[in-house]
Amino acid sequence: YDFSKAKYHWYTYDIAVTIFHIIESYQPEDKQQFL
């Protein structure tokens, strides 16, 4: 749900945004290894 920010963009950007949010919500000890 929540398609309020949907727009036309590169698919790789959508992946990057998603990964950014994953990293933000987990805050692992070693971000690089986790990533």
PDB file of all heavy atoms in Angstrom:
ATOM      1  N   TYR A   1       0.822  -1.203   0.000  1.00  0.00           N
ATOM      2  CA  TYR A   1       0.000   0.000   0.000  1.00  0.00           C
ATOM      3  C   TYR A   1       0.858   1.256   0.000  1.00  0.00           C
ATOM      4  O   TYR A   1       2.078   1.173  -0.063  1.00  0.00           O
ATOM      5  CB  TYR A   1      -1.004   0.008   1.155  1.00  0.00           C
ATOM      6  CG  TYR A   1      -0.409  -0.257   2.513  1.00  0.00           C
ATOM      7  CD1 TYR A   1      -0.018   0.774   3.331  1.00  0.00           C
ATOM      8  CD2 TYR A   1      -0.240  -1.569   2.963  1.00  0.00           C
ATOM      9  CE1 TYR A   1       0.529   0.529   4.581  1.00  0.00           C
ATOM     10  CE2 TYR A   1       0.311  -1.823   4.212  1.00  0.00           C
ATOM     11  CZ  TYR A   1       0.694  -0.771   5.014  1.00  0.00           C
ATOM     12  OH  TYR A   1       1.248  -1.020   6.239  1.00  0.00           O
ATOM     13  N   ASP A   2       0.226   2.375   0.073  1.00  0.00           N
ATOM     14  CA  ASP A   2       0.833   3.705  -0.001  1.00  0.00           C
ATOM     15  C   ASP A   2       1.598   3.908  -1.306  1.00  0.00           C
ATOM     16  O   ASP A   2       2.817   3.813  -1.357  1.00  0.00           O
ATOM     17  CB  ASP A   2       1.746   3.989   1.199  1.00  0.00           C
ATOM     18  CG  ASP A   2       2.172   5.468   1.216  1.00  0.00           C
ATOM     19  OD1 ASP A   2       1.715   6.223   0.333  1.00  0.00           O
ATOM     20  OD2 ASP A   2       2.944   5.860   2.091  1.00  0.00           O
ATOM     21  N   PHE A   3       0.848   4.222  -2.329  1.00  0.00           N
ATOM     22  CA  PHE A   3       1.443   4.520  -3.626  1.00  0.00           C
ATOM     23  C   PHE A   3       1.529   6.026  -3.850  1.00  0.00           C
ATOM     24  O   PHE A   3       1.592   6.489  -4.980  1.00  0.00           O
ATOM     25  CB  PHE A   3       0.616   3.864  -4.746  1.00  0.00           C
ATOM     26  CG  PHE A   3       0.787   2.373  -4.799  1.00  0.00           C
ATOM     27  CD1 PHE A   3      -0.048   1.539  -4.064  1.00  0.00           C
ATOM     28  CD2 PHE A   3       1.795   1.805  -5.555  1.00  0.00           C
ATOM     29  CE1 PHE A   3       0.109   0.158  -4.098  1.00  0.00           C
ATOM     30  CE2 PHE A   3       1.964   0.418  -5.606  1.00  0.00           C
ATOM     31  CZ  PHE A   3       1.119  -0.397  -4.876  1.00  0.00           C
ATOM     32  N   SER A   4       1.534   6.789  -2.756  1.00  0.00           N
ATOM     33  CA  SER A   4       1.465   8.247  -2.867  1.00  0.00           C
ATOM     34  C   SER A   4       2.696   8.871  -3.518  1.00  0.00           C
ATOM     35  O   SER A   4       2.646   9.989  -3.996  1.00  0.00           O
ATOM     36  CB  SER A   4       1.227   8.868  -1.489  1.00  0.00           C
ATOM     37  OG  SER A   4       2.304   8.566  -0.633  1.00  0.00           O
ATOM     38  N   LYS A   5       3.816   8.151  -3.518  1.00  0.00           N
ATOM     39  CA  LYS A   5       5.031   8.726  -4.103  1.00  0.00           C
ATOM     40  C   LYS A   5       5.377   8.127  -5.462  1.00  0.00           C
ATOM     41  O   LYS A   5       6.441   8.395  -6.011  1.00  0.00           O
ATOM     42  CB  LYS A   5       6.214   8.537  -3.151  1.00  0.00           C
ATOM     43  CG  LYS A   5       6.137   9.414  -1.920  1.00  0.00           C
ATOM     44  CD  LYS A   5       7.423   9.327  -1.116  1.00  0.00           C
ATOM     45  CE  LYS A   5       7.358  10.192   0.125  1.00  0.00           C
ATOM     46  NZ  LYS A   5       8.536   9.971   0.985  1.00  0.00           N
ATOM     47  N   ALA A   6       4.461   7.307  -5.993  1.00  0.00           N
ATOM     48  CA  ALA A   6       4.727   6.655  -7.284  1.00  0.00           C
ATOM     49  C   ALA A   6       5.033   7.696  -8.357  1.00  0.00           C
ATOM     50  O   ALA A   6       4.433   8.772  -8.392  1.00  0.00           O
ATOM     51  CB  ALA A   6       3.529   5.814  -7.692  1.00  0.00           C
ATOM     52  N   LYS A   7       6.011   7.371  -9.204  1.00  0.00           N
ATOM     53  CA  LYS A   7       6.379   8.274 -10.294  1.00  0.00           C
ATOM     54  C   LYS A   7       7.165   7.486 -11.334  1.00  0.00           C
ATOM     55  O   LYS A   7       7.482   6.324 -11.127  1.00  0.00           O
ATOM     56  CB  LYS A   7       7.190   9.455  -9.764  1.00  0.00           C
ATOM     57  CG  LYS A   7       8.564   9.076  -9.223  1.00  0.00           C
ATOM     58  CD  LYS A   7       9.370  10.223  -8.600  1.00  0.00           C
ATOM     59  CE  LYS A   7       9.090  11.598  -9.140  1.00  0.00           C
ATOM     60  NZ  LYS A   7      10.029  12.622  -8.651  1.00  0.00           N
ATOM     61  N   TYR A   8       7.492   8.120 -12.434  1.00  0.00           N
ATOM     62  CA  TYR A   8       8.347   7.473 -13.433  1.00  0.00           C
ATOM     63  C   TYR A   8       9.807   7.744 -13.087  1.00  0.00           C
ATOM     64  O   TYR A   8      10.187   8.888 -12.824  1.00  0.00           O
ATOM     65  CB  TYR A   8       8.027   7.987 -14.839  1.00  0.00           C
ATOM     66  CG  TYR A   8       6.724   7.436 -15.354  1.00  0.00           C
ATOM     67  CD1 TYR A   8       5.555   8.180 -15.284  1.00  0.00           C
ATOM     68  CD2 TYR A   8       6.659   6.145 -15.887  1.00  0.00           C
ATOM     69  CE1 TYR A   8       4.345   7.663 -15.739  1.00  0.00           C
ATOM     70  CE2 TYR A   8       5.463   5.619 -16.337  1.00  0.00           C
ATOM     71  CZ  TYR A   8       4.309   6.382 -16.261  1.00  0.00           C
ATOM     72  OH  TYR A   8       3.119   5.860 -16.704  1.00  0.00           O
ATOM     73  N   HIS A   9      10.585   6.689 -13.048  1.00  0.00           N
ATOM     74  CA  HIS A   9      11.992   6.813 -12.666  1.00  0.00           C
ATOM     75  C   HIS A   9      12.707   5.537 -13.096  1.00  0.00           C
ATOM     76  O   HIS A   9      12.081   4.608 -13.605  1.00  0.00           O
ATOM     77  CB  HIS A   9      12.086   6.976 -11.138  1.00  0.00           C
ATOM     78  CG  HIS A   9      13.229   7.839 -10.674  1.00  0.00           C
ATOM     79  ND1 HIS A   9      14.531   7.648 -11.099  1.00  0.00           N
ATOM     80  CD2 HIS A   9      13.263   8.891  -9.812  1.00  0.00           C
ATOM     81  CE1 HIS A   9      15.310   8.561 -10.516  1.00  0.00           C
ATOM     82  NE2 HIS A   9      14.557   9.326  -9.731  1.00  0.00           N
ATOM     83  N   TRP A  10      13.997   5.489 -12.867  1.00  0.00           N
ATOM     84  CA  TRP A  10      14.746   4.269 -13.174  1.00  0.00           C
ATOM     85  C   TRP A  10      14.441   3.212 -12.122  1.00  0.00           C
ATOM     86  O   TRP A  10      14.320   3.528 -10.933  1.00  0.00           O
ATOM     87  CB  TRP A  10      16.244   4.574 -13.224  1.00  0.00           C
ATOM     88  CG  TRP A  10      16.623   5.189 -14.534  1.00  0.00           C
ATOM     89  CD1 TRP A  10      17.079   4.538 -15.642  1.00  0.00           C
ATOM     90  CD2 TRP A  10      16.548   6.579 -14.887  1.00  0.00           C
ATOM     91  NE1 TRP A  10      17.273   5.441 -16.665  1.00  0.00           N
ATOM     92  CE2 TRP A  10      16.958   6.701 -16.225  1.00  0.00           C
ATOM     93  CE3 TRP A  10      16.149   7.726 -14.214  1.00  0.00           C
ATOM     94  CZ2 TRP A  10      17.012   7.911 -16.906  1.00  0.00           C
ATOM     95  CZ3 TRP A  10      16.196   8.936 -14.885  1.00  0.00           C
ATOM     96  CH2 TRP A  10      16.622   9.021 -16.206  1.00  0.00           C
ATOM     97  N   TYR A  11      14.327   1.988 -12.551  1.00  0.00           N
ATOM     98  CA  TYR A  11      14.040   0.883 -11.627  1.00  0.00           C
ATOM     99  C   TYR A  11      15.158   0.749 -10.588  1.00  0.00           C
ATOM    100  O   TYR A  11      14.899   0.419  -9.430  1.00  0.00           O
ATOM    101  CB  TYR A  11      13.858  -0.433 -12.387  1.00  0.00           C
ATOM    102  CG  TYR A  11      12.654  -0.417 -13.303  1.00  0.00           C
ATOM    103  CD1 TYR A  11      12.764  -0.743 -14.651  1.00  0.00           C
ATOM    104  CD2 TYR A  11      11.394  -0.066 -12.815  1.00  0.00           C
ATOM    105  CE1 TYR A  11      11.655  -0.720 -15.487  1.00  0.00           C
ATOM    106  CE2 TYR A  11      10.282  -0.036 -13.650  1.00  0.00           C
ATOM    107  CZ  TYR A  11      10.419  -0.362 -14.990  1.00  0.00           C
ATOM    108  OH  TYR A  11       9.325  -0.336 -15.815  1.00  0.00           O
ATOM    109  N   THR A  12      16.379   1.032 -11.015  1.00  0.00           N
ATOM    110  CA  THR A  12      17.514   0.935 -10.084  1.00  0.00           C
ATOM    111  C   THR A  12      17.385   1.956  -8.959  1.00  0.00           C
ATOM    112  O   THR A  12      17.860   1.729  -7.849  1.00  0.00           O
ATOM    113  CB  THR A  12      18.856   1.146 -10.824  1.00  0.00           C
ATOM    114  OG1 THR A  12      18.726   2.296 -11.675  1.00  0.00           O
ATOM    115  CG2 THR A  12      19.239  -0.061 -11.659  1.00  0.00           C
ATOM    116  N   TYR A  13      16.732   3.076  -9.242  1.00  0.00           N
ATOM    117  CA  TYR A  13      16.499   4.083  -8.206  1.00  0.00           C
ATOM    118  C   TYR A  13      15.533   3.536  -7.154  1.00  0.00           C
ATOM    119  O   TYR A  13      15.746   3.708  -5.949  1.00  0.00           O
ATOM    120  CB  TYR A  13      15.936   5.360  -8.837  1.00  0.00           C
ATOM    121  CG  TYR A  13      15.583   6.442  -7.833  1.00  0.00           C
ATOM    122  CD1 TYR A  13      16.585   7.215  -7.253  1.00  0.00           C
ATOM    123  CD2 TYR A  13      14.267   6.704  -7.487  1.00  0.00           C
ATOM    124  CE1 TYR A  13      16.276   8.223  -6.341  1.00  0.00           C
ATOM    125  CE2 TYR A  13      13.938   7.705  -6.576  1.00  0.00           C
ATOM    126  CZ  TYR A  13      14.950   8.461  -6.014  1.00  0.00           C
ATOM    127  OH  TYR A  13      14.648   9.455  -5.105  1.00  0.00           O
ATOM    128  N   ASP A  14      14.480   2.866  -7.612  1.00  0.00           N
ATOM    129  CA  ASP A  14      13.499   2.282  -6.704  1.00  0.00           C
ATOM    130  C   ASP A  14      14.183   1.247  -5.803  1.00  0.00           C
ATOM    131  O   ASP A  14      13.900   1.165  -4.604  1.00  0.00           O
ATOM    132  CB  ASP A  14      12.375   1.610  -7.507  1.00  0.00           C
ATOM    133  CG  ASP A  14      11.016   1.670  -6.805  1.00  0.00           C
ATOM    134  OD1 ASP A  14      10.899   2.376  -5.782  1.00  0.00           O
ATOM    135  OD2 ASP A  14      10.072   1.034  -7.294  1.00  0.00           O
ATOM    136  N   ILE A  15      15.072   0.478  -6.389  1.00  0.00           N
ATOM    137  CA  ILE A  15      15.830  -0.523  -5.617  1.00  0.00           C
ATOM    138  C   ILE A  15      16.698   0.185  -4.582  1.00  0.00           C
ATOM    139  O   ILE A  15      16.727  -0.194  -3.411  1.00  0.00           O
ATOM    140  CB  ILE A  15      16.696  -1.401  -6.550  1.00  0.00           C
ATOM    141  CG1 ILE A  15      15.811  -2.246  -7.463  1.00  0.00           C
ATOM    142  CG2 ILE A  15      17.634  -2.297  -5.734  1.00  0.00           C
ATOM    143  CD1 ILE A  15      16.553  -2.924  -8.611  1.00  0.00           C
ATOM    144  N   ALA A  16      17.385   1.245  -5.007  1.00  0.00           N
ATOM    145  CA  ALA A  16      18.259   2.001  -4.104  1.00  0.00           C
ATOM    146  C   ALA A  16      17.471   2.609  -2.941  1.00  0.00           C
ATOM    147  O   ALA A  16      17.896   2.535  -1.789  1.00  0.00           O
ATOM    148  CB  ALA A  16      19.000   3.098  -4.874  1.00  0.00           C
ATOM    149  N   VAL A  17      16.304   3.182  -3.241  1.00  0.00           N
ATOM    150  CA  VAL A  17      15.455   3.783  -2.204  1.00  0.00           C
ATOM    151  C   VAL A  17      15.034   2.712  -1.194  1.00  0.00           C
ATOM    152  O   VAL A  17      15.080   2.923   0.021  1.00  0.00           O
ATOM    153  CB  VAL A  17      14.209   4.467  -2.822  1.00  0.00           C
ATOM    154  CG1 VAL A  17      13.187   4.831  -1.763  1.00  0.00           C
ATOM    155  CG2 VAL A  17      14.619   5.707  -3.609  1.00  0.00           C
ATOM    156  N   THR A  18      14.651   1.551  -1.711  1.00  0.00           N
ATOM    157  CA  THR A  18      14.224   0.446  -0.852  1.00  0.00           C
ATOM    158  C   THR A  18      15.367  -0.016   0.042  1.00  0.00           C
ATOM    159  O   THR A  18      15.195  -0.201   1.248  1.00  0.00           O
ATOM    160  CB  THR A  18      13.707  -0.737  -1.711  1.00  0.00           C
ATOM    161  OG1 THR A  18      12.686  -0.242  -2.586  1.00  0.00           O
ATOM    162  CG2 THR A  18      13.137  -1.835  -0.853  1.00  0.00           C
ATOM    163  N   ILE A  19      16.549  -0.152  -0.542  1.00  0.00           N
ATOM    164  CA  ILE A  19      17.724  -0.589   0.212  1.00  0.00           C
ATOM    165  C   ILE A  19      18.111   0.451   1.258  1.00  0.00           C
ATOM    166  O   ILE A  19      18.456   0.118   2.395  1.00  0.00           O
ATOM    167  CB  ILE A  19      18.886  -0.906  -0.747  1.00  0.00           C
ATOM    168  CG1 ILE A  19      18.580  -2.224  -1.462  1.00  0.00           C
ATOM    169  CG2 ILE A  19      20.215  -0.994  -0.010  1.00  0.00           C
ATOM    170  CD1 ILE A  19      19.376  -2.457  -2.701  1.00  0.00           C
ATOM    171  N   PHE A  20      18.002   1.713   0.887  1.00  0.00           N
ATOM    172  CA  PHE A  20      18.260   2.805   1.825  1.00  0.00           C
ATOM    173  C   PHE A  20      17.369   2.659   3.064  1.00  0.00           C
ATOM    174  O   PHE A  20      17.822   2.766   4.197  1.00  0.00           O
ATOM    175  CB  PHE A  20      18.002   4.145   1.137  1.00  0.00           C
ATOM    176  CG  PHE A  20      18.187   5.336   2.034  1.00  0.00           C
ATOM    177  CD1 PHE A  20      19.431   5.924   2.185  1.00  0.00           C
ATOM    178  CD2 PHE A  20      17.113   5.880   2.742  1.00  0.00           C
ATOM    179  CE1 PHE A  20      19.618   7.032   3.018  1.00  0.00           C
ATOM    180  CE2 PHE A  20      17.274   6.974   3.576  1.00  0.00           C
ATOM    181  CZ  PHE A  20      18.535   7.549   3.717  1.00  0.00           C
ATOM    182  N   HIS A  21      16.093   2.375   2.831  1.00  0.00           N
ATOM    183  CA  HIS A  21      15.149   2.214   3.946  1.00  0.00           C
ATOM    184  C   HIS A  21      15.454   0.968   4.776  1.00  0.00           C
ATOM    185  O   HIS A  21      15.287   0.977   5.992  1.00  0.00           O
ATOM    186  CB  HIS A  21      13.709   2.159   3.433  1.00  0.00           C
ATOM    187  CG  HIS A  21      13.198   3.473   2.944  1.00  0.00           C
ATOM    188  ND1 HIS A  21      13.224   4.619   3.715  1.00  0.00           N
ATOM    189  CD2 HIS A  21      12.666   3.850   1.758  1.00  0.00           C
ATOM    190  CE1 HIS A  21      12.719   5.628   3.035  1.00  0.00           C
ATOM    191  NE2 HIS A  21      12.375   5.188   1.848  1.00  0.00           N
ATOM    192  N   ILE A  22      15.904  -0.091   4.117  1.00  0.00           N
ATOM    193  CA  ILE A  22      16.272  -1.314   4.839  1.00  0.00           C
ATOM    194  C   ILE A  22      17.434  -1.008   5.786  1.00  0.00           C
ATOM    195  O   ILE A  22      17.386  -1.319   6.970  1.00  0.00           O
ATOM    196  CB  ILE A  22      16.673  -2.455   3.874  1.00  0.00           C
ATOM    197  CG1 ILE A  22      15.448  -2.957   3.091  1.00  0.00           C
ATOM    198  CG2 ILE A  22      17.309  -3.606   4.643  1.00  0.00           C
ATOM    199  CD1 ILE A  22      15.781  -3.940   1.978  1.00  0.00           C
ATOM    200  N   ILE A  23      18.465  -0.361   5.261  1.00  0.00           N
ATOM    201  CA  ILE A  23      19.642  -0.025   6.067  1.00  0.00           C
ATOM    202  C   ILE A  23      19.243   0.864   7.239  1.00  0.00           C
ATOM    203  O   ILE A  23      19.662   0.660   8.368  1.00  0.00           O
ATOM    204  CB  ILE A  23      20.713   0.705   5.223  1.00  0.00           C
ATOM    205  CG1 ILE A  23      21.217  -0.196   4.100  1.00  0.00           C
ATOM    206  CG2 ILE A  23      21.885   1.137   6.099  1.00  0.00           C
ATOM    207  CD1 ILE A  23      22.044   0.536   3.071  1.00  0.00           C
ATOM    208  N   GLU A  24      18.400   1.859   6.945  1.00  0.00           N
ATOM    209  CA  GLU A  24      17.963   2.793   7.980  1.00  0.00           C
ATOM    210  C   GLU A  24      17.205   2.106   9.103  1.00  0.00           C
ATOM    211  O   GLU A  24      17.365   2.440  10.263  1.00  0.00           O
ATOM    212  CB  GLU A  24      17.062   3.862   7.360  1.00  0.00           C
ATOM    213  CG  GLU A  24      17.768   5.163   7.117  1.00  0.00           C
ATOM    214  CD  GLU A  24      16.783   6.322   7.046  1.00  0.00           C
ATOM    215  OE1 GLU A  24      15.599   6.103   6.742  1.00  0.00           O
ATOM    216  OE2 GLU A  24      17.216   7.450   7.306  1.00  0.00           O
ATOM    217  N   SER A  25      16.360   1.140   8.742  1.00  0.00           N
ATOM    218  CA  SER A  25      15.522   0.534   9.769  1.00  0.00           C
ATOM    219  C   SER A  25      16.255  -0.535  10.571  1.00  0.00           C
ATOM    220  O   SER A  25      15.831  -0.885  11.653  1.00  0.00           O
ATOM    221  CB  SER A  25      14.251  -0.037   9.148  1.00  0.00           C
ATOM    222  OG  SER A  25      14.582  -0.962   8.156  1.00  0.00           O
ATOM    223  N   TYR A  26      17.347  -1.055  10.032  1.00  0.00           N
ATOM    224  CA  TYR A  26      18.058  -2.111  10.753  1.00  0.00           C
ATOM    225  C   TYR A  26      19.243  -1.621  11.570  1.00  0.00           C
ATOM    226  O   TYR A  26      19.533  -2.167  12.606  1.00  0.00           O
ATOM    227  CB  TYR A  26      18.547  -3.187   9.768  1.00  0.00           C
ATOM    228  CG  TYR A  26      17.499  -4.234   9.509  1.00  0.00           C
ATOM    229  CD1 TYR A  26      16.481  -4.001   8.603  1.00  0.00           C
ATOM    230  CD2 TYR A  26      17.503  -5.441  10.190  1.00  0.00           C
ATOM    231  CE1 TYR A  26      15.503  -4.951   8.368  1.00  0.00           C
ATOM    232  CE2 TYR A  26      16.529  -6.389   9.958  1.00  0.00           C
ATOM    233  CZ  TYR A  26      15.533  -6.142   9.048  1.00  0.00           C
ATOM    234  OH  TYR A  26      14.569  -7.083   8.819  1.00  0.00           O
ATOM    235  N   GLN A  27      19.910  -0.615  11.072  1.00  0.00           N
ATOM    236  CA  GLN A  27      21.118  -0.103  11.723  1.00  0.00           C
ATOM    237  C   GLN A  27      22.002  -1.212  12.298  1.00  0.00           C
ATOM    238  O   GLN A  27      22.253  -1.279  13.502  1.00  0.00           O
ATOM    239  CB  GLN A  27      20.738   0.894  12.805  1.00  0.00           C
ATOM    240  CG  GLN A  27      19.993   2.059  12.176  1.00  0.00           C
ATOM    241  CD  GLN A  27      19.858   3.237  13.089  1.00  0.00           C
ATOM    242  OE1 GLN A  27      19.517   3.110  14.246  1.00  0.00           O
ATOM    243  NE2 GLN A  27      20.119   4.406  12.560  1.00  0.00           N
ATOM    244  N   PRO A  28      22.465  -2.091  11.418  1.00  0.00           N
ATOM    245  CA  PRO A  28      23.334  -3.176  11.880  1.00  0.00           C
ATOM    246  C   PRO A  28      24.703  -2.664  12.303  1.00  0.00           C
ATOM    247  O   PRO A  28      25.082  -1.563  11.928  1.00  0.00           O
ATOM    248  CB  PRO A  28      23.459  -4.060  10.638  1.00  0.00           C
ATOM    249  CG  PRO A  28      23.241  -3.110   9.499  1.00  0.00           C
ATOM    250  CD  PRO A  28      22.282  -2.067   9.981  1.00  0.00           C
ATOM    251  N   GLU A  29      25.418  -3.484  13.061  1.00  0.00           N
ATOM    252  CA  GLU A  29      26.773  -3.123  13.497  1.00  0.00           C
ATOM    253  C   GLU A  29      27.633  -2.792  12.284  1.00  0.00           C
ATOM    254  O   GLU A  29      28.217  -1.744  12.192  1.00  0.00           O
ATOM    255  CB  GLU A  29      27.426  -4.310  14.235  1.00  0.00           C
ATOM    256  CG  GLU A  29      26.584  -4.931  15.322  1.00  0.00           C
ATOM    257  CD  GLU A  29      26.586  -4.088  16.590  1.00  0.00           C
ATOM    258  OE1 GLU A  29      27.536  -4.232  17.378  1.00  0.00           O
ATOM    259  OE2 GLU A  29      25.638  -3.296  16.772  1.00  0.00           O
ATOM    260  N   ASP A  30      27.693  -3.755  11.372  1.00  0.00           N
ATOM    261  CA  ASP A  30      28.526  -3.565  10.194  1.00  0.00           C
ATOM    262  C   ASP A  30      27.627  -3.406   8.973  1.00  0.00           C
ATOM    263  O   ASP A  30      27.198  -4.378   8.365  1.00  0.00           O
ATOM    264  CB  ASP A  30      29.466  -4.774  10.031  1.00  0.00           C
ATOM    265  CG  ASP A  30      30.420  -4.593   8.855  1.00  0.00           C
ATOM    266  OD1 ASP A  30      30.286  -3.582   8.128  1.00  0.00           O
ATOM    267  OD2 ASP A  30      31.279  -5.457   8.666  1.00  0.00           O
ATOM    268  N   LYS A  31      27.375  -2.147   8.636  1.00  0.00           N
ATOM    269  CA  LYS A  31      26.447  -1.852   7.547  1.00  0.00           C
ATOM    270  C   LYS A  31      26.886  -2.480   6.230  1.00  0.00           C
ATOM    271  O   LYS A  31      26.059  -2.989   5.488  1.00  0.00           O
ATOM    272  CB  LYS A  31      26.282  -0.348   7.371  1.00  0.00           C
ATOM    273  CG  LYS A  31      25.346   0.231   8.398  1.00  0.00           C
ATOM    274  CD  LYS A  31      24.862   1.612   8.045  1.00  0.00           C
ATOM    275  CE  LYS A  31      23.837   2.013   9.093  1.00  0.00           C
ATOM    276  NZ  LYS A  31      23.245   3.285   8.959  1.00  0.00           N
ATOM    277  N   GLN A  32      28.179  -2.423   5.949  1.00  0.00           N
ATOM    278  CA  GLN A  32      28.676  -2.928   4.667  1.00  0.00           C
ATOM    279  C   GLN A  32      28.423  -4.422   4.530  1.00  0.00           C
ATOM    280  O   GLN A  32      27.931  -4.886   3.517  1.00  0.00           O
ATOM    281  CB  GLN A  32      30.167  -2.600   4.497  1.00  0.00           C
ATOM    282  CG  GLN A  32      30.646  -2.636   3.056  1.00  0.00           C
ATOM    283  CD  GLN A  32      29.742  -1.850   2.091  1.00  0.00           C
ATOM    284  OE1 GLN A  32      29.341  -0.716   2.351  1.00  0.00           O
ATOM    285  NE2 GLN A  32      29.403  -2.463   0.965  1.00  0.00           N
ATOM    286  N   GLN A  33      28.747  -5.159   5.586  1.00  0.00           N
ATOM    287  CA  GLN A  33      28.560  -6.601   5.573  1.00  0.00           C
ATOM    288  C   GLN A  33      27.072  -6.944   5.467  1.00  0.00           C
ATOM    289  O   GLN A  33      26.674  -7.803   4.689  1.00  0.00           O
ATOM    290  CB  GLN A  33      29.159  -7.220   6.837  1.00  0.00           C
ATOM    291  CG  GLN A  33      29.405  -8.705   6.710  1.00  0.00           C
ATOM    292  CD  GLN A  33      29.883  -9.298   8.032  1.00  0.00           C
ATOM    293  OE1 GLN A  33      30.100  -8.590   9.010  1.00  0.00           O
ATOM    294  NE2 GLN A  33      30.056 -10.603   8.051  1.00  0.00           N
ATOM    295  N   PHE A  34      26.273  -6.225   6.223  1.00  0.00           N
ATOM    296  CA  PHE A  34      24.828  -6.425   6.196  1.00  0.00           C
ATOM    297  C   PHE A  34      24.278  -6.139   4.810  1.00  0.00           C
ATOM    298  O   PHE A  34      23.470  -6.892   4.278  1.00  0.00           O
ATOM    299  CB  PHE A  34      24.157  -5.505   7.215  1.00  0.00           C
ATOM    300  CG  PHE A  34      22.659  -5.487   7.128  1.00  0.00           C
ATOM    301  CD1 PHE A  34      21.901  -6.520   7.662  1.00  0.00           C
ATOM    302  CD2 PHE A  34      21.996  -4.447   6.497  1.00  0.00           C
ATOM    303  CE1 PHE A  34      20.517  -6.515   7.586  1.00  0.00           C
ATOM    304  CE2 PHE A  34      20.608  -4.430   6.410  1.00  0.00           C
ATOM    305  CZ  PHE A  34      19.876  -5.466   6.962  1.00  0.00           C
ATOM    306  N   LEU A  35      24.750  -5.029   4.234  1.00  0.00           N
ATOM    307  CA  LEU A  35      24.285  -4.605   2.925  1.00  0.00           C
ATOM    308  C   LEU A  35      24.556  -5.684   1.880  1.00  0.00           C
ATOM    309  O   LEU A  35      23.673  -6.065   1.129  1.00  0.00           O
ATOM    310  CB  LEU A  35      24.969  -3.296   2.539  1.00  0.00           C
ATOM    311  CG  LEU A  35      24.470  -2.609   1.285  1.00  0.00           C
ATOM    312  CD1 LEU A  35      22.980  -2.298   1.408  1.00  0.00           C
ATOM    313  CD2 LEU A  35      25.227  -1.337   1.025  1.00  0.00           C
TER     314      LEU A  35
END
